[in-house]
């Protein structure tokens, strides 16, 4: 049985799967001329419950360190760092005032 992973290991695992699937689809896309592979990868991982930190939060995101680099907003979404895939910066209302 697989041991419980710490938040950093969960994030690393999700990012590895994202990059692995992305590379596999990239080969197919070059032949089929399909765009937005990153969205397809995100949906696949979401369907397999491979996304982590899926609750909206303010502040620190478990498993994410300052300096971590991401190539796509969808990769950030998979690890719970960004939820607005088609929009800009995430925001929410707090005490009736939008921050």
N, C-alpha and C. Protein backbone atom coordinates (compact mmCIF):
# COMPACT_ATOMS: atom_id res chain seq x y z
N UNK A 1 0.84 -1.18 0.00
CA UNK A 1 0.00 0.00 0.00
C UNK A 1 0.89 1.25 0.00
N UNK A 2 0.52 2.23 -0.80
CA UNK A 2 1.30 3.46 -0.91
C UNK A 2 1.16 4.29 0.35
N UNK A 3 2.29 4.80 0.87
CA UNK A 3 2.25 5.62 2.08
C UNK A 3 1.63 6.97 1.76
N UNK A 4 1.15 7.63 2.80
CA UNK A 4 0.60 8.97 2.61
C UNK A 4 1.72 9.92 2.20
N UNK A 5 1.45 10.71 1.19
CA UNK A 5 2.44 11.65 0.70
C UNK A 5 2.29 12.99 1.40
N UNK A 6 3.40 13.66 1.63
CA UNK A 6 3.34 15.01 2.18
C UNK A 6 2.87 15.95 1.07
N UNK A 7 2.41 17.15 1.41
CA UNK A 7 1.91 18.07 0.39
C UNK A 7 2.89 18.31 -0.76
N UNK A 8 4.17 18.46 -0.46
CA UNK A 8 5.16 18.71 -1.51
C UNK A 8 5.25 17.53 -2.47
N UNK A 9 5.18 16.31 -1.93
CA UNK A 9 5.23 15.11 -2.77
C UNK A 9 3.99 15.01 -3.64
N UNK A 10 2.82 15.38 -3.11
CA UNK A 10 1.58 15.36 -3.89
C UNK A 10 1.67 16.35 -5.05
N UNK A 11 2.17 17.54 -4.77
CA UNK A 11 2.33 18.56 -5.82
C UNK A 11 3.33 18.07 -6.87
N UNK A 12 4.44 17.53 -6.44
CA UNK A 12 5.46 17.03 -7.37
C UNK A 12 4.90 15.92 -8.25
N UNK A 13 4.13 15.03 -7.66
CA UNK A 13 3.53 13.92 -8.41
C UNK A 13 2.54 14.45 -9.45
N UNK A 14 1.70 15.40 -9.06
CA UNK A 14 0.73 15.98 -9.99
C UNK A 14 1.44 16.69 -11.14
N UNK A 15 2.51 17.41 -10.84
CA UNK A 15 3.26 18.11 -11.89
C UNK A 15 3.96 17.13 -12.82
N UNK A 16 4.50 16.03 -12.28
CA UNK A 16 5.13 15.01 -13.13
C UNK A 16 4.13 14.42 -14.10
N UNK A 17 2.92 14.08 -13.60
CA UNK A 17 1.89 13.53 -14.47
C UNK A 17 1.47 14.55 -15.52
N UNK A 18 1.32 15.82 -15.13
CA UNK A 18 0.95 16.86 -16.08
C UNK A 18 1.96 16.91 -17.22
N UNK A 19 3.24 16.96 -16.88
CA UNK A 19 4.28 17.07 -17.91
C UNK A 19 4.38 15.82 -18.76
N UNK A 20 4.20 14.64 -18.15
CA UNK A 20 4.28 13.39 -18.89
C UNK A 20 3.13 13.30 -19.91
N UNK A 21 1.91 13.57 -19.46
CA UNK A 21 0.76 13.50 -20.36
C UNK A 21 0.86 14.57 -21.43
N UNK A 22 1.31 15.77 -21.05
CA UNK A 22 1.46 16.86 -22.02
C UNK A 22 2.40 16.44 -23.15
N UNK A 23 3.54 15.84 -22.81
CA UNK A 23 4.50 15.41 -23.83
C UNK A 23 3.91 14.35 -24.74
N UNK A 24 3.13 13.42 -24.17
CA UNK A 24 2.49 12.38 -24.97
C UNK A 24 1.49 12.99 -25.94
N UNK A 25 0.67 13.92 -25.46
CA UNK A 25 -0.32 14.55 -26.32
C UNK A 25 0.33 15.46 -27.35
N UNK A 26 1.44 16.06 -27.02
CA UNK A 26 2.13 16.95 -27.94
C UNK A 26 2.51 16.22 -29.22
N UNK A 27 2.95 14.98 -29.08
CA UNK A 27 3.30 14.18 -30.25
C UNK A 27 2.06 13.97 -31.12
N UNK A 28 0.93 13.62 -30.51
CA UNK A 28 -0.31 13.42 -31.26
C UNK A 28 -0.80 14.73 -31.87
N UNK A 29 -0.69 15.80 -31.15
CA UNK A 29 -1.19 17.09 -31.61
C UNK A 29 -0.42 17.56 -32.83
N UNK A 30 0.86 17.32 -32.85
CA UNK A 30 1.64 17.74 -34.01
C UNK A 30 1.13 17.06 -35.27
N UNK A 31 0.62 15.84 -35.14
CA UNK A 31 0.07 15.14 -36.29
C UNK A 31 -1.34 15.62 -36.61
N UNK A 32 -2.14 15.91 -35.58
CA UNK A 32 -3.55 16.27 -35.77
C UNK A 32 -3.81 17.77 -35.82
N UNK A 33 -2.83 18.58 -35.44
CA UNK A 33 -2.96 20.04 -35.42
C UNK A 33 -4.03 20.52 -34.43
N UNK A 34 -4.11 19.87 -33.29
CA UNK A 34 -5.03 20.28 -32.23
C UNK A 34 -4.30 21.27 -31.34
N UNK A 35 -5.03 22.27 -30.83
CA UNK A 35 -4.41 23.25 -29.95
C UNK A 35 -4.88 23.07 -28.52
N UNK A 36 -4.28 23.80 -27.62
CA UNK A 36 -4.61 23.83 -26.19
C UNK A 36 -4.50 22.47 -25.53
N UNK A 37 -3.36 21.86 -25.69
CA UNK A 37 -3.08 20.57 -25.08
C UNK A 37 -3.18 20.68 -23.56
N UNK A 38 -2.73 21.81 -23.01
CA UNK A 38 -2.71 21.98 -21.56
C UNK A 38 -4.11 21.84 -20.97
N UNK A 39 -5.14 22.31 -21.68
CA UNK A 39 -6.51 22.16 -21.18
C UNK A 39 -6.94 20.69 -21.19
N UNK A 40 -6.55 19.97 -22.23
CA UNK A 40 -6.86 18.54 -22.30
C UNK A 40 -6.19 17.78 -21.16
N UNK A 41 -4.94 18.11 -20.88
CA UNK A 41 -4.21 17.44 -19.80
C UNK A 41 -4.89 17.72 -18.46
N UNK A 42 -5.26 18.98 -18.23
CA UNK A 42 -5.93 19.35 -16.97
C UNK A 42 -7.22 18.56 -16.80
N UNK A 43 -8.01 18.45 -17.86
CA UNK A 43 -9.28 17.71 -17.77
C UNK A 43 -9.03 16.23 -17.48
N UNK A 44 -8.01 15.65 -18.10
CA UNK A 44 -7.68 14.24 -17.84
C UNK A 44 -7.30 14.03 -16.38
N UNK A 45 -6.45 14.90 -15.86
CA UNK A 45 -6.03 14.77 -14.47
C UNK A 45 -7.20 15.02 -13.52
N UNK A 46 -8.06 15.94 -13.87
CA UNK A 46 -9.23 16.23 -13.03
C UNK A 46 -10.17 15.02 -12.99
N UNK A 47 -10.39 14.39 -14.14
CA UNK A 47 -11.25 13.20 -14.21
C UNK A 47 -10.69 12.04 -13.40
N UNK A 48 -9.37 11.97 -13.28
CA UNK A 48 -8.71 10.90 -12.52
C UNK A 48 -8.44 11.29 -11.07
N UNK A 49 -9.00 12.43 -10.63
CA UNK A 49 -8.80 12.94 -9.27
C UNK A 49 -7.32 13.09 -8.92
N UNK A 50 -6.54 13.56 -9.88
CA UNK A 50 -5.10 13.76 -9.68
C UNK A 50 -4.76 15.21 -9.31
N UNK A 51 -5.76 16.08 -9.26
CA UNK A 51 -5.52 17.47 -8.87
C UNK A 51 -5.38 17.53 -7.35
N UNK A 52 -4.53 18.43 -6.86
CA UNK A 52 -4.32 18.58 -5.42
C UNK A 52 -4.66 20.01 -5.00
N UNK A 53 -4.91 20.19 -3.71
CA UNK A 53 -5.25 21.51 -3.16
C UNK A 53 -6.44 22.12 -3.91
N UNK A 54 -7.51 21.37 -4.03
CA UNK A 54 -8.64 21.81 -4.85
C UNK A 54 -9.58 22.78 -4.14
N UNK A 55 -9.41 22.98 -2.84
CA UNK A 55 -10.24 23.94 -2.12
C UNK A 55 -9.67 25.34 -2.30
N UNK A 56 -10.56 26.31 -2.54
CA UNK A 56 -10.12 27.69 -2.69
C UNK A 56 -9.59 28.18 -1.35
N UNK A 57 -8.45 28.85 -1.36
CA UNK A 57 -7.84 29.31 -0.11
C UNK A 57 -7.16 30.65 -0.33
N UNK A 58 -6.95 31.32 0.78
CA UNK A 58 -6.17 32.56 0.78
C UNK A 58 -4.90 32.27 1.56
N UNK A 59 -3.77 32.64 1.02
CA UNK A 59 -2.51 32.41 1.73
C UNK A 59 -1.72 31.27 1.14
N UNK A 60 -0.96 30.63 1.99
CA UNK A 60 -0.04 29.57 1.58
C UNK A 60 -0.79 28.38 0.99
N UNK A 61 -0.24 27.81 -0.08
CA UNK A 61 -0.79 26.60 -0.70
C UNK A 61 0.15 25.46 -0.36
N UNK A 62 -0.35 24.42 0.34
CA UNK A 62 0.52 23.32 0.75
C UNK A 62 1.26 22.68 -0.43
N UNK A 63 2.56 22.52 -0.27
CA UNK A 63 3.37 21.86 -1.29
C UNK A 63 3.95 22.80 -2.34
N UNK A 64 3.58 24.06 -2.30
CA UNK A 64 4.10 25.05 -3.25
C UNK A 64 5.14 25.89 -2.53
N UNK A 65 6.28 26.05 -3.14
CA UNK A 65 7.35 26.85 -2.56
C UNK A 65 7.58 28.12 -3.38
N UNK A 66 8.02 29.17 -2.71
CA UNK A 66 8.40 30.39 -3.42
C UNK A 66 9.51 30.02 -4.40
N UNK A 67 9.36 30.43 -5.64
CA UNK A 67 10.35 30.13 -6.66
C UNK A 67 9.96 28.98 -7.57
N UNK A 68 8.90 28.22 -7.23
CA UNK A 68 8.42 27.18 -8.14
C UNK A 68 8.00 27.85 -9.44
N UNK A 69 8.37 27.26 -10.55
CA UNK A 69 8.05 27.84 -11.86
C UNK A 69 7.06 26.95 -12.60
N UNK A 70 6.13 27.61 -13.28
CA UNK A 70 5.09 26.93 -14.03
C UNK A 70 5.05 27.49 -15.45
N UNK A 71 4.75 26.63 -16.41
CA UNK A 71 4.67 27.09 -17.79
C UNK A 71 3.25 27.45 -18.19
N UNK A 72 2.25 26.85 -17.56
CA UNK A 72 0.86 27.04 -17.96
C UNK A 72 -0.02 27.32 -16.76
N UNK A 73 -1.07 28.12 -16.97
CA UNK A 73 -2.05 28.36 -15.91
C UNK A 73 -2.72 27.05 -15.53
N UNK A 74 -2.91 26.18 -16.50
CA UNK A 74 -3.57 24.90 -16.21
C UNK A 74 -2.71 24.04 -15.30
N UNK A 75 -1.39 24.12 -15.43
CA UNK A 75 -0.50 23.39 -14.52
C UNK A 75 -0.65 23.95 -13.11
N UNK A 76 -0.79 25.27 -13.01
CA UNK A 76 -1.01 25.91 -11.71
C UNK A 76 -2.35 25.47 -11.13
N UNK A 77 -3.34 25.28 -11.98
CA UNK A 77 -4.66 24.84 -11.53
C UNK A 77 -4.61 23.42 -10.97
N UNK A 78 -3.83 22.55 -11.60
CA UNK A 78 -3.72 21.15 -11.17
C UNK A 78 -3.18 21.06 -9.74
N UNK A 79 -2.32 22.01 -9.34
CA UNK A 79 -1.74 21.97 -8.00
C UNK A 79 -2.43 22.93 -7.03
N UNK A 80 -3.52 23.57 -7.46
CA UNK A 80 -4.31 24.42 -6.57
C UNK A 80 -3.79 25.82 -6.37
N UNK A 81 -3.00 26.30 -7.31
CA UNK A 81 -2.43 27.63 -7.19
C UNK A 81 -3.20 28.68 -7.98
N UNK A 82 -3.99 28.24 -8.96
CA UNK A 82 -4.74 29.18 -9.81
C UNK A 82 -6.01 28.48 -10.28
N UNK A 83 -7.16 29.12 -10.09
CA UNK A 83 -8.42 28.48 -10.46
C UNK A 83 -9.08 29.10 -11.68
N UNK A 84 -8.78 30.34 -12.00
CA UNK A 84 -9.40 31.01 -13.15
C UNK A 84 -8.65 30.72 -14.43
N UNK A 85 -8.94 29.59 -15.05
CA UNK A 85 -8.20 29.15 -16.23
C UNK A 85 -8.34 30.13 -17.39
N UNK A 86 -9.53 30.62 -17.63
CA UNK A 86 -9.75 31.51 -18.76
C UNK A 86 -9.72 32.98 -18.37
N UNK A 87 -9.51 33.26 -17.10
CA UNK A 87 -9.51 34.65 -16.66
C UNK A 87 -8.14 35.03 -16.12
N UNK A 88 -8.05 36.22 -15.61
CA UNK A 88 -6.77 36.72 -15.09
C UNK A 88 -6.51 36.28 -13.67
N UNK A 89 -6.21 37.22 -12.82
CA UNK A 89 -5.84 36.94 -11.44
C UNK A 89 -7.05 36.51 -10.63
N UNK A 90 -6.89 35.48 -9.79
CA UNK A 90 -7.98 35.03 -8.92
C UNK A 90 -8.31 36.10 -7.90
N UNK A 91 -9.59 36.23 -7.60
CA UNK A 91 -10.01 37.13 -6.53
C UNK A 91 -11.32 36.59 -5.96
N UNK A 92 -11.70 37.06 -4.79
CA UNK A 92 -12.96 36.65 -4.19
C UNK A 92 -13.44 37.75 -3.26
N UNK A 93 -14.71 37.64 -2.85
CA UNK A 93 -15.28 38.65 -1.97
C UNK A 93 -15.03 38.28 -0.52
N UNK A 94 -14.70 39.28 0.28
CA UNK A 94 -14.47 39.07 1.70
C UNK A 94 -15.24 40.15 2.45
N UNK A 95 -16.18 39.73 3.27
CA UNK A 95 -17.02 40.66 4.04
C UNK A 95 -17.72 41.66 3.13
N UNK A 96 -18.19 41.17 1.99
CA UNK A 96 -18.96 42.01 1.08
C UNK A 96 -18.14 42.95 0.21
N UNK A 97 -16.83 42.91 0.34
CA UNK A 97 -15.96 43.77 -0.46
C UNK A 97 -15.08 42.89 -1.33
N UNK A 98 -15.05 43.15 -2.62
CA UNK A 98 -14.22 42.34 -3.50
C UNK A 98 -12.77 42.77 -3.35
N UNK A 99 -11.89 41.79 -3.06
CA UNK A 99 -10.45 42.06 -2.91
C UNK A 99 -9.73 41.84 -4.20
